[in-house]
Amino acid sequence: MTNDNRIGLIPIPYGLKDALNNAGFTVESILNNEPSKIAQDLGIEEYVGRIIFEETKKEFADKRVAEIVNP
């Protein structure tokens, strides 16, 4: 399993960042999934999945994901 270091840039608690990495999520997979799917995969409440999705979207909205990978 490869950790996506960009998850560390998302302004959410460290425990959620660890859970995302342990579940194999990447920034792309967060943005390409519904919050309910994120929540289901992590075994958390749907509103927390929405927070993860929205915070990820805000963090990377003005940045092209490729630029984050290869600055």
Protein backbone atom coordinates (compact mmCIF):
# COMPACT_ATOMS: atom_id res chain seq x y z
CA MET A 1 0.00 0.00 0.00
CA THR A 2 1.31 3.43 -0.94
CA ASN A 3 0.52 6.40 1.24
CA ASP A 4 -0.48 9.62 -0.50
CA ASN A 5 1.57 12.27 1.28
CA ARG A 6 -0.77 14.97 -0.01
CA ILE A 7 -3.41 13.72 2.43
CA GLY A 8 -1.26 15.38 5.09
CA LEU A 9 -2.17 18.75 3.55
CA ILE A 10 -5.90 18.29 4.17
CA PRO A 11 -6.99 20.26 7.26
CA ILE A 12 -8.60 17.36 9.14
CA PRO A 13 -7.57 15.52 12.34
CA TYR A 14 -4.53 13.27 12.10
CA GLY A 15 -6.59 10.19 12.97
CA LEU A 16 -8.69 10.71 9.85
CA LYS A 17 -5.57 11.21 7.74
CA ASP A 18 -4.19 7.92 9.06
CA ALA A 19 -7.50 6.17 8.38
CA LEU A 20 -7.54 7.50 4.80
CA ASN A 21 -3.98 6.32 4.16
CA ASN A 22 -4.64 2.93 5.79
CA ALA A 23 -7.70 2.47 3.58
CA GLY A 24 -5.64 3.28 0.47
CA PHE A 25 -7.27 6.61 -0.35
CA THR A 26 -5.53 9.20 -2.50
CA VAL A 27 -6.51 12.81 -3.13
CA GLU A 28 -7.91 11.69 -6.47
CA SER A 29 -9.96 8.87 -4.98
CA ILE A 30 -11.39 11.20 -2.33
CA LEU A 31 -12.42 13.71 -4.97
CA ASN A 32 -13.80 11.00 -7.27
CA ASN A 33 -15.98 9.37 -4.59
CA GLU A 34 -19.19 10.43 -2.93
CA PRO A 35 -18.86 11.40 0.75
CA SER A 36 -21.13 8.48 1.63
CA LYS A 37 -18.69 6.04 -0.02
CA ILE A 38 -15.74 7.57 1.84
CA ALA A 39 -17.68 7.23 5.10
CA GLN A 40 -18.68 3.65 4.33
CA ASP A 41 -15.12 2.62 3.47
CA LEU A 42 -13.79 4.19 6.68
CA GLY A 43 -16.68 3.00 8.90
CA ILE A 44 -17.53 6.55 10.00
CA GLU A 45 -20.60 8.77 10.00
CA GLU A 46 -21.60 10.20 6.63
CA TYR A 47 -21.26 13.80 7.82
CA VAL A 48 -17.57 13.12 8.56
CA GLY A 49 -17.16 11.75 5.04
CA ARG A 50 -18.66 15.00 3.75
CA ILE A 51 -16.20 17.03 5.83
CA ILE A 52 -13.29 15.00 4.41
CA PHE A 53 -14.58 15.49 0.87
CA GLU A 54 -15.24 19.22 1.28
CA GLU A 55 -11.92 19.96 2.98
CA THR A 56 -10.06 18.01 0.30
CA LYS A 57 -11.92 19.88 -2.42
CA LYS A 58 -11.13 23.24 -0.79
CA GLU A 59 -7.44 22.39 -0.31
CA PHE A 60 -6.92 21.29 -3.90
CA ALA A 61 -9.48 23.46 -5.72
CA ASP A 62 -6.98 26.07 -6.86
CA LYS A 63 -4.17 23.61 -7.42
CA ARG A 64 -3.79 21.10 -10.16
CA VAL A 65 -3.20 17.72 -8.52
CA ALA A 66 -0.27 17.03 -10.87
CA GLU A 67 1.46 20.19 -9.65
CA ILE A 68 1.19 18.95 -6.08
CA VAL A 69 2.79 15.63 -7.06
CA ASN A 70 5.54 17.18 -9.22
CA PRO A 71 6.14 20.77 -8.08
